Amino acid sequence: MPKKRKSRGRSKGSKGRSEYVTCSSCGARVPRDKAKKVTVRVPLVDSALAKELQAKGAIIPYTVATKYYCISCAVHMGIVKVRSRDERKSESMR
């Protein structure tokens, strides 16, 4: 059976089984090494107020929000692009 991707769609190598995370969009359980991780800095104050405070030179506190997405949600949201057959197998795109 032909392989679609050199990494089999995961980054586990020969580690065995990996733990699961929950997709932030659809709630599916996805292996951690297959899920797409997105970290976003979110200000603790309203965005309009944050822009005003930043213009005046104030330091705005941020919190880091980490979200995991399954592949189908990541493609739907534009986090991951659909690639051609040659690009999928090459390591140069990583």
PDB file of N, CA and C in Angstrom:
ATOM      1  N   MET A   1       0.847  -1.189   0.000  1.00  0.00           N
ATOM      2  CA  MET A   1       0.000   0.000   0.000  1.00  0.00           C
ATOM      3  C   MET A   1       0.887   1.246   0.000  1.00  0.00           C
ATOM      4  N   PRO A   2       0.638   2.191  -0.898  1.00  0.00           N
ATOM      5  CA  PRO A   2       1.497   3.364  -0.968  1.00  0.00           C
ATOM      6  C   PRO A   2       1.299   4.290   0.229  1.00  0.00           C
ATOM      7  N   LYS A   3       2.391   4.965   0.584  1.00  0.00           N
ATOM      8  CA  LYS A   3       2.318   5.929   1.680  1.00  0.00           C
ATOM      9  C   LYS A   3       2.030   7.303   1.108  1.00  0.00           C
ATOM     10  N   LYS A   4       1.090   8.006   1.704  1.00  0.00           N
ATOM     11  CA  LYS A   4       0.738   9.334   1.232  1.00  0.00           C
ATOM     12  C   LYS A   4       1.761  10.360   1.726  1.00  0.00           C
ATOM     13  N   ARG A   5       2.239  10.166   2.955  1.00  0.00           N
ATOM     14  CA  ARG A   5       3.213  11.087   3.524  1.00  0.00           C
ATOM     15  C   ARG A   5       4.378  10.308   4.112  1.00  0.00           C
ATOM     16  N   LYS A   6       5.560  10.911   4.051  1.00  0.00           N
ATOM     17  CA  LYS A   6       6.747  10.242   4.578  1.00  0.00           C
ATOM     18  C   LYS A   6       6.643  10.050   6.084  1.00  0.00           C
ATOM     19  N   SER A   7       6.026  10.984   6.783  1.00  0.00           N
ATOM     20  CA  SER A   7       5.918  10.914   8.237  1.00  0.00           C
ATOM     21  C   SER A   7       4.640  10.229   8.704  1.00  0.00           C
ATOM     22  N   ARG A   8       3.841   9.719   7.768  1.00  0.00           N
ATOM     23  CA  ARG A   8       2.547   9.104   8.075  1.00  0.00           C
ATOM     24  C   ARG A   8       1.602  10.088   8.764  1.00  0.00           C
ATOM     25  N   GLY A   9       1.822  11.360   8.573  1.00  0.00           N
ATOM     26  CA  GLY A   9       0.937  12.386   9.112  1.00  0.00           C
ATOM     27  C   GLY A   9       1.169  12.714  10.573  1.00  0.00           C
ATOM     28  N   ARG A  10       2.245  12.170  11.152  1.00  0.00           N
ATOM     29  CA  ARG A  10       2.520  12.419  12.571  1.00  0.00           C
ATOM     30  C   ARG A  10       4.000  12.696  12.755  1.00  0.00           C
ATOM     31  N   SER A  11       4.356  13.134  13.949  1.00  0.00           N
ATOM     32  CA  SER A  11       5.767  13.403  14.235  1.00  0.00           C
ATOM     33  C   SER A  11       6.263  12.526  15.372  1.00  0.00           C
ATOM     34  N   LYS A  12       5.727  11.326  15.499  1.00  0.00           N
ATOM     35  CA  LYS A  12       6.103  10.486  16.637  1.00  0.00           C
ATOM     36  C   LYS A  12       7.337   9.649  16.400  1.00  0.00           C
ATOM     37  N   GLY A  13       7.682   9.367  15.128  1.00  0.00           N
ATOM     38  CA  GLY A  13       8.845   8.538  14.878  1.00  0.00           C
ATOM     39  C   GLY A  13       8.575   7.115  15.335  1.00  0.00           C
ATOM     40  N   SER A  14       9.401   6.596  16.220  1.00  0.00           N
ATOM     41  CA  SER A  14       9.195   5.247  16.763  1.00  0.00           C
ATOM     42  C   SER A  14       8.975   5.308  18.276  1.00  0.00           C
ATOM     43  N   LYS A  15       8.241   6.323  18.740  1.00  0.00           N
ATOM     44  CA  LYS A  15       8.022   6.515  20.165  1.00  0.00           C
ATOM     45  C   LYS A  15       6.904   5.655  20.727  1.00  0.00           C
ATOM     46  N   GLY A  16       6.091   5.048  19.874  1.00  0.00           N
ATOM     47  CA  GLY A  16       4.950   4.303  20.385  1.00  0.00           C
ATOM     48  C   GLY A  16       3.733   5.194  20.452  1.00  0.00           C
ATOM     49  N   ARG A  17       2.859   4.892  21.390  1.00  0.00           N
ATOM     50  CA  ARG A  17       1.609   5.634  21.481  1.00  0.00           C
ATOM     51  C   ARG A  17       1.801   6.977  22.164  1.00  0.00           C
ATOM     52  N   SER A  18       1.103   7.999  21.688  1.00  0.00           N
ATOM     53  CA  SER A  18       1.184   9.324  22.294  1.00  0.00           C
ATOM     54  C   SER A  18      -0.170   9.690  22.897  1.00  0.00           C
ATOM     55  N   GLU A  19      -0.143  10.672  23.784  1.00  0.00           N
ATOM     56  CA  GLU A  19      -1.381  11.067  24.472  1.00  0.00           C
ATOM     57  C   GLU A  19      -2.282  11.884  23.557  1.00  0.00           C
ATOM     58  N   TYR A  20      -3.525  12.008  23.949  1.00  0.00           N
ATOM     59  CA  TYR A  20      -4.531  12.698  23.136  1.00  0.00           C
ATOM     60  C   TYR A  20      -4.777  14.102  23.662  1.00  0.00           C
ATOM     61  N   VAL A  21      -5.136  15.000  22.749  1.00  0.00           N
ATOM     62  CA  VAL A  21      -5.601  16.342  23.085  1.00  0.00           C
ATOM     63  C   VAL A  21      -6.954  16.530  22.416  1.00  0.00           C
ATOM     64  N   THR A  22      -7.700  17.514  22.869  1.00  0.00           N
ATOM     65  CA  THR A  22      -9.015  17.790  22.318  1.00  0.00           C
ATOM     66  C   THR A  22      -8.935  18.969  21.359  1.00  0.00           C
ATOM     67  N   CYS A  23      -9.528  18.810  20.194  1.00  0.00           N
ATOM     68  CA  CYS A  23      -9.568  19.882  19.204  1.00  0.00           C
ATOM     69  C   CYS A  23     -10.386  21.048  19.765  1.00  0.00           C
ATOM     70  N   SER A  24      -9.856  22.254  19.653  1.00  0.00           N
ATOM     71  CA  SER A  24     -10.536  23.434  20.198  1.00  0.00           C
ATOM     72  C   SER A  24     -11.742  23.838  19.376  1.00  0.00           C
ATOM     73  N   SER A  25     -11.837  23.359  18.144  1.00  0.00           N
ATOM     74  CA  SER A  25     -12.940  23.742  17.285  1.00  0.00           C
ATOM     75  C   SER A  25     -14.089  22.740  17.320  1.00  0.00           C
ATOM     76  N   CYS A  26     -13.779  21.456  17.055  1.00  0.00           N
ATOM     77  CA  CYS A  26     -14.858  20.472  16.932  1.00  0.00           C
ATOM     78  C   CYS A  26     -14.929  19.508  18.114  1.00  0.00           C
ATOM     79  N   GLY A  27     -13.927  19.481  18.972  1.00  0.00           N
ATOM     80  CA  GLY A  27     -13.958  18.621  20.147  1.00  0.00           C
ATOM     81  C   GLY A  27     -13.474  17.201  19.917  1.00  0.00           C
ATOM     82  N   ALA A  28     -12.893  16.919  18.752  1.00  0.00           N
ATOM     83  CA  ALA A  28     -12.403  15.576  18.461  1.00  0.00           C
ATOM     84  C   ALA A  28     -11.136  15.290  19.264  1.00  0.00           C
ATOM     85  N   ARG A  29     -10.924  14.020  19.620  1.00  0.00           N
ATOM     86  CA  ARG A  29      -9.698  13.611  20.297  1.00  0.00           C
ATOM     87  C   ARG A  29      -8.654  13.282  19.235  1.00  0.00           C
ATOM     88  N   VAL A  30      -7.501  13.966  19.308  1.00  0.00           N
ATOM     89  CA  VAL A  30      -6.453  13.831  18.312  1.00  0.00           C
ATOM     90  C   VAL A  30      -5.146  13.531  19.040  1.00  0.00           C
ATOM     91  N   PRO A  31      -4.288  12.645  18.501  1.00  0.00           N
ATOM     92  CA  PRO A  31      -2.976  12.457  19.106  1.00  0.00           C
ATOM     93  C   PRO A  31      -2.193  13.766  19.118  1.00  0.00           C
ATOM     94  N   ARG A  32      -1.460  14.002  20.192  1.00  0.00           N
ATOM     95  CA  ARG A  32      -0.763  15.276  20.365  1.00  0.00           C
ATOM     96  C   ARG A  32       0.247  15.540  19.247  1.00  0.00           C
ATOM     97  N   ASP A  33       0.894  14.486  18.761  1.00  0.00           N
ATOM     98  CA  ASP A  33       1.891  14.700  17.720  1.00  0.00           C
ATOM     99  C   ASP A  33       1.272  14.904  16.344  1.00  0.00           C
ATOM    100  N   LYS A  34      -0.006  14.660  16.178  1.00  0.00           N
ATOM    101  CA  LYS A  34      -0.686  14.898  14.907  1.00  0.00           C
ATOM    102  C   LYS A  34      -1.425  16.235  14.902  1.00  0.00           C
ATOM    103  N   ALA A  35      -1.850  16.693  16.066  1.00  0.00           N
ATOM    104  CA  ALA A  35      -2.629  17.931  16.168  1.00  0.00           C
ATOM    105  C   ALA A  35      -1.754  19.138  15.856  1.00  0.00           C
ATOM    106  N   LYS A  36      -2.366  20.189  15.352  1.00  0.00           N
ATOM    107  CA  LYS A  36      -1.679  21.438  15.064  1.00  0.00           C
ATOM    108  C   LYS A  36      -1.839  22.369  16.256  1.00  0.00           C
ATOM    109  N   LYS A  37      -0.711  22.808  16.808  1.00  0.00           N
ATOM    110  CA  LYS A  37      -0.707  23.639  18.008  1.00  0.00           C
ATOM    111  C   LYS A  37      -0.591  25.110  17.608  1.00  0.00           C
ATOM    112  N   VAL A  38      -1.479  25.936  18.151  1.00  0.00           N
ATOM    113  CA  VAL A  38      -1.484  27.365  17.853  1.00  0.00           C
ATOM    114  C   VAL A  38      -1.440  28.112  19.177  1.00  0.00           C
ATOM    115  N   THR A  39      -0.442  28.966  19.346  1.00  0.00           N
ATOM    116  CA  THR A  39      -0.354  29.795  20.542  1.00  0.00           C
ATOM    117  C   THR A  39      -0.612  31.243  20.150  1.00  0.00           C
ATOM    118  N   VAL A  40      -1.463  31.904  20.920  1.00  0.00           N
ATOM    119  CA  VAL A  40      -1.869  33.281  20.628  1.00  0.00           C
ATOM    120  C   VAL A  40      -1.707  34.103  21.894  1.00  0.00           C
ATOM    121  N   ARG A  41      -1.140  35.293  21.752  1.00  0.00           N
ATOM    122  CA  ARG A  41      -1.065  36.217  22.890  1.00  0.00           C
ATOM    123  C   ARG A  41      -2.358  37.013  22.948  1.00  0.00           C
ATOM    124  N   VAL A  42      -3.049  36.940  24.075  1.00  0.00           N
ATOM    125  CA  VAL A  42      -4.340  37.611  24.230  1.00  0.00           C
ATOM    126  C   VAL A  42      -4.196  38.669  25.321  1.00  0.00           C
ATOM    127  N   PRO A  43      -4.515  39.944  25.019  1.00  0.00           N
ATOM    128  CA  PRO A  43      -4.413  40.973  26.068  1.00  0.00           C
ATOM    129  C   PRO A  43      -5.508  40.784  27.116  1.00  0.00           C
ATOM    130  N   LEU A  44      -5.191  41.150  28.349  1.00  0.00           N
ATOM    131  CA  LEU A  44      -6.149  41.006  29.438  1.00  0.00           C
ATOM    132  C   LEU A  44      -7.212  42.100  29.427  1.00  0.00           C
ATOM    133  N   VAL A  45      -6.969  43.182  28.686  1.00  0.00           N
ATOM    134  CA  VAL A  45      -7.953  44.256  28.569  1.00  0.00           C
ATOM    135  C   VAL A  45      -8.569  44.225  27.170  1.00  0.00           C
ATOM    136  N   ASP A  46      -9.618  45.003  26.971  1.00  0.00           N
ATOM    137  CA  ASP A  46     -10.291  45.086  25.674  1.00  0.00           C
ATOM    138  C   ASP A  46      -9.324  45.586  24.603  1.00  0.00           C
ATOM    139  N   SER A  47      -9.488  45.111  23.380  1.00  0.00           N
ATOM    140  CA  SER A  47      -8.532  45.438  22.318  1.00  0.00           C
ATOM    141  C   SER A  47      -8.495  46.931  21.991  1.00  0.00           C
ATOM    142  N   ALA A  48      -9.656  47.593  22.004  1.00  0.00           N
ATOM    143  CA  ALA A  48      -9.687  49.034  21.731  1.00  0.00           C
ATOM    144  C   ALA A  48      -8.972  49.804  22.845  1.00  0.00           C
ATOM    145  N   LEU A  49      -9.205  49.389  24.088  1.00  0.00           N
ATOM    146  CA  LEU A  49      -8.540  50.026  25.220  1.00  0.00           C
ATOM    147  C   LEU A  49      -7.040  49.731  25.194  1.00  0.00           C
ATOM    148  N   ALA A  50      -6.669  48.540  24.763  1.00  0.00           N
ATOM    149  CA  ALA A  50      -5.254  48.173  24.694  1.00  0.00           C
ATOM    150  C   ALA A  50      -4.518  49.052  23.685  1.00  0.00           C
ATOM    151  N   LYS A  51      -5.153  49.361  22.551  1.00  0.00           N
ATOM    152  CA  LYS A  51      -4.516  50.225  21.555  1.00  0.00           C
ATOM    153  C   LYS A  51      -4.318  51.637  22.094  1.00  0.00           C
ATOM    154  N   GLU A  52      -5.307  52.137  22.831  1.00  0.00           N
ATOM    155  CA  GLU A  52      -5.177  53.468  23.421  1.00  0.00           C
ATOM    156  C   GLU A  52      -4.060  53.507  24.448  1.00  0.00           C
ATOM    157  N   LEU A  53      -4.019  52.506  25.316  1.00  0.00           N
ATOM    158  CA  LEU A  53      -2.987  52.465  26.345  1.00  0.00           C
ATOM    159  C   LEU A  53      -1.602  52.299  25.739  1.00  0.00           C
ATOM    160  N   GLN A  54      -1.509  51.522  24.703  1.00  0.00           N
ATOM    161  CA  GLN A  54      -0.219  51.312  24.051  1.00  0.00           C
ATOM    162  C   GLN A  54       0.265  52.595  23.370  1.00  0.00           C
ATOM    163  N   ALA A  55      -0.667  53.374  22.841  1.00  0.00           N
ATOM    164  CA  ALA A  55      -0.295  54.637  22.214  1.00  0.00           C
ATOM    165  C   ALA A  55       0.264  55.625  23.241  1.00  0.00           C
ATOM    166  N   LYS A  56      -0.210  55.520  24.480  1.00  0.00           N
ATOM    167  CA  LYS A  56       0.268  56.410  25.534  1.00  0.00           C
ATOM    168  C   LYS A  56       1.512  55.874  26.228  1.00  0.00           C
ATOM    169  N   GLY A  57       1.943  54.669  25.850  1.00  0.00           N
ATOM    170  CA  GLY A  57       3.196  54.143  26.392  1.00  0.00           C
ATOM    171  C   GLY A  57       3.025  53.197  27.566  1.00  0.00           C
ATOM    172  N   ALA A  58       1.827  52.744  27.836  1.00  0.00           N
ATOM    173  CA  ALA A  58       1.603  51.827  28.955  1.00  0.00           C
ATOM    174  C   ALA A  58       1.984  50.403  28.545  1.00  0.00           C
ATOM    175  N   ILE A  59       2.353  49.605  29.527  1.00  0.00           N
ATOM    176  CA  ILE A  59       2.665  48.204  29.289  1.00  0.00           C
ATOM    177  C   ILE A  59       1.392  47.397  29.501  1.00  0.00           C
ATOM    178  N   ILE A  60       1.026  46.626  28.509  1.00  0.00           N
ATOM    179  CA  ILE A  60      -0.232  45.865  28.543  1.00  0.00           C
ATOM    180  C   ILE A  60       0.072  44.408  28.852  1.00  0.00           C
ATOM    181  N   PRO A  61      -0.566  43.854  29.881  1.00  0.00           N
ATOM    182  CA  PRO A  61      -0.314  42.442  30.196  1.00  0.00           C
ATOM    183  C   PRO A  61      -1.023  41.513  29.202  1.00  0.00           C
ATOM    184  N   TYR A  62      -0.341  40.460  28.837  1.00  0.00           N
ATOM    185  CA  TYR A  62      -0.875  39.460  27.917  1.00  0.00           C
ATOM    186  C   TYR A  62      -0.889  38.099  28.594  1.00  0.00           C
ATOM    187  N   THR A  63      -1.794  37.267  28.170  1.00  0.00           N
ATOM    188  CA  THR A  63      -1.795  35.869  28.570  1.00  0.00           C
ATOM    189  C   THR A  63      -1.654  35.029  27.304  1.00  0.00           C
ATOM    190  N   VAL A  64      -1.022  33.891  27.425  1.00  0.00           N
ATOM    191  CA  VAL A  64      -0.778  33.035  26.270  1.00  0.00           C
ATOM    192  C   VAL A  64      -1.852  31.953  26.232  1.00  0.00           C
ATOM    193  N   ALA A  65      -2.589  31.887  25.137  1.00  0.00           N
ATOM    194  CA  ALA A  65      -3.630  30.874  24.957  1.00  0.00           C
ATOM    195  C   ALA A  65      -3.125  29.846  23.959  1.00  0.00           C
ATOM    196  N   THR A  66      -3.086  28.586  24.370  1.00  0.00           N
ATOM    197  CA  THR A  66      -2.637  27.501  23.502  1.00  0.00           C
ATOM    198  C   THR A  66      -3.840  26.687  23.077  1.00  0.00           C
ATOM    199  N   LYS A  67      -4.000  26.507  21.770  1.00  0.00           N
ATOM    200  CA  LYS A  67      -5.110  25.727  21.240  1.00  0.00           C
ATOM    201  C   LYS A  67      -4.569  24.647  20.327  1.00  0.00           C
ATOM    202  N   TYR A  68      -5.249  23.510  20.331  1.00  0.00           N
ATOM    203  CA  TYR A  68      -4.902  22.402  19.453  1.00  0.00           C
ATOM    204  C   TYR A  68      -6.048  22.193  18.472  1.00  0.00           C
ATOM    205  N   TYR A  69      -5.707  21.947  17.212  1.00  0.00           N
ATOM    206  CA  TYR A  69      -6.714  21.720  16.185  1.00  0.00           C
ATOM    207  C   TYR A  69      -6.445  20.400  15.481  1.00  0.00           C
ATOM    208  N   CYS A  70      -7.525  19.674  15.141  1.00  0.00           N
ATOM    209  CA  CYS A  70      -7.371  18.487  14.304  1.00  0.00           C
ATOM    210  C   CYS A  70      -7.063  18.960  12.886  1.00  0.00           C
ATOM    211  N   ILE A  71      -6.623  18.046  12.037  1.00  0.00           N
ATOM    212  CA  ILE A  71      -6.180  18.422  10.700  1.00  0.00           C
ATOM    213  C   ILE A  71      -7.318  19.028   9.882  1.00  0.00           C
ATOM    214  N   SER A  72      -8.517  18.456   9.979  1.00  0.00           N
ATOM    215  CA  SER A  72      -9.611  18.965   9.161  1.00  0.00           C
ATOM    216  C   SER A  72     -10.008  20.379   9.579  1.00  0.00           C
ATOM    217  N   CYS A  73     -10.000  20.666  10.873  1.00  0.00           N
ATOM    218  CA  CYS A  73     -10.312  22.026  11.326  1.00  0.00           C
ATOM    219  C   CYS A  73      -9.185  22.997  10.978  1.00  0.00           C
ATOM    220  N   ALA A  74      -7.930  22.533  11.044  1.00  0.00           N
ATOM    221  CA  ALA A  74      -6.789  23.383  10.708  1.00  0.00           C
ATOM    222  C   ALA A  74      -6.810  23.756   9.225  1.00  0.00           C
ATOM    223  N   VAL A  75      -7.202  22.823   8.360  1.00  0.00           N
ATOM    224  CA  VAL A  75      -7.312  23.119   6.936  1.00  0.00           C
ATOM    225  C   VAL A  75      -8.464  24.088   6.706  1.00  0.00           C
ATOM    226  N   HIS A  76      -9.583  23.866   7.398  1.00  0.00           N
ATOM    227  CA  HIS A  76     -10.760  24.723   7.237  1.00  0.00           C
ATOM    228  C   HIS A  76     -10.469  26.152   7.680  1.00  0.00           C
ATOM    229  N   MET A  77      -9.680  26.319   8.750  1.00  0.00           N
ATOM    230  CA  MET A  77      -9.378  27.652   9.268  1.00  0.00           C
ATOM    231  C   MET A  77      -8.195  28.314   8.571  1.00  0.00           C
ATOM    232  N   GLY A  78      -7.496  27.586   7.709  1.00  0.00           N
ATOM    233  CA  GLY A  78      -6.372  28.157   6.984  1.00  0.00           C
ATOM    234  C   GLY A  78      -5.058  28.088   7.724  1.00  0.00           C
ATOM    235  N   ILE A  79      -4.968  27.327   8.810  1.00  0.00           N
ATOM    236  CA  ILE A  79      -3.724  27.175   9.550  1.00  0.00           C
ATOM    237  C   ILE A  79      -2.759  26.299   8.760  1.00  0.00           C
ATOM    238  N   VAL A  80      -3.297  25.282   8.083  1.00  0.00           N
ATOM    239  CA  VAL A  80      -2.514  24.363   7.262  1.00  0.00           C
ATOM    240  C   VAL A  80      -3.059  24.440   5.843  1.00  0.00           C
ATOM    241  N   LYS A  81      -2.183  24.468   4.868  1.00  0.00           N
ATOM    242  CA  LYS A  81      -2.602  24.526   3.479  1.00  0.00           C
ATOM    243  C   LYS A  81      -2.618  23.131   2.865  1.00  0.00           C
ATOM    244  N   VAL A  82      -3.452  22.920   1.866  1.00  0.00           N
ATOM    245  CA  VAL A  82      -3.478  21.680   1.116  1.00  0.00           C
ATOM    246  C   VAL A  82      -2.310  21.721   0.142  1.00  0.00           C
ATOM    247  N   ARG A  83      -1.484  20.651   0.137  1.00  0.00           N
ATOM    248  CA  ARG A  83      -0.292  20.626  -0.702  1.00  0.00           C
ATOM    249  C   ARG A  83      -0.409  19.547  -1.773  1.00  0.00           C
ATOM    250  N   SER A  84       0.354  19.705  -2.845  1.00  0.00           N
ATOM    251  CA  SER A  84       0.349  18.734  -3.929  1.00  0.00           C
ATOM    252  C   SER A  84       1.068  17.459  -3.499  1.00  0.00           C
ATOM    253  N   ARG A  85       0.997  16.435  -4.314  1.00  0.00           N
ATOM    254  CA  ARG A  85       1.580  15.134  -3.979  1.00  0.00           C
ATOM    255  C   ARG A  85       3.089  15.231  -3.773  1.00  0.00           C
ATOM    256  N   ASP A  86       3.784  15.977  -4.618  1.00  0.00           N
ATOM    257  CA  ASP A  86       5.237  16.098  -4.479  1.00  0.00           C
ATOM    258  C   ASP A  86       5.621  16.876  -3.221  1.00  0.00           C
ATOM    259  N   GLU A  87       4.870  17.899  -2.893  1.00  0.00           N
ATOM    260  CA  GLU A  87       5.169  18.694  -1.703  1.00  0.00           C
ATOM    261  C   GLU A  87       4.885  17.934  -0.417  1.00  0.00           C
ATOM    262  N   ARG A  88       3.901  17.048  -0.445  1.00  0.00           N
ATOM    263  CA  ARG A  88       3.571  16.285   0.763  1.00  0.00           C
ATOM    264  C   ARG A  88       4.706  15.361   1.177  1.00  0.00           C
ATOM    265  N   LYS A  89       5.386  14.774   0.193  1.00  0.00           N
ATOM    266  CA  LYS A  89       6.425  13.799   0.509  1.00  0.00           C
ATOM    267  C   LYS A  89       7.777  14.430   0.792  1.00  0.00           C
ATOM    268  N   SER A  90       7.997  15.675   0.402  1.00  0.00           N
ATOM    269  CA  SER A  90       9.305  16.294   0.588  1.00  0.00           C
ATOM    270  C   SER A  90       9.418  16.853   1.990  1.00  0.00           C
ATOM    271  N   GLU A  91      10.631  16.862   2.488  1.00  0.00           N
ATOM    272  CA  GLU A  91      10.909  17.416   3.811  1.00  0.00           C
ATOM    273  C   GLU A  91      11.214  18.898   3.738  1.00  0.00           C
ATOM    274  N   SER A  92      11.381  19.441   2.544  1.00  0.00           N
ATOM    275  CA  SER A  92      11.777  20.837   2.413  1.00  0.00           C
ATOM    276  C   SER A  92      10.681  21.809   2.829  1.00  0.00           C
ATOM    277  N   MET A  93       9.438  21.353   2.864  1.00  0.00           N
ATOM    278  CA  MET A  93       8.320  22.240   3.207  1.00  0.00           C
ATOM    279  C   MET A  93       8.168  22.440   4.706  1.00  0.00           C
ATOM    280  N   ARG A  94       8.896  21.725   5.523  1.00  0.00           N
ATOM    281  CA  ARG A  94       8.720  21.801   6.971  1.00  0.00           C
ATOM    282  C   ARG A  94       9.354  22.985   7.556  1.00  0.00           C
TER     283      ARG A  94
END
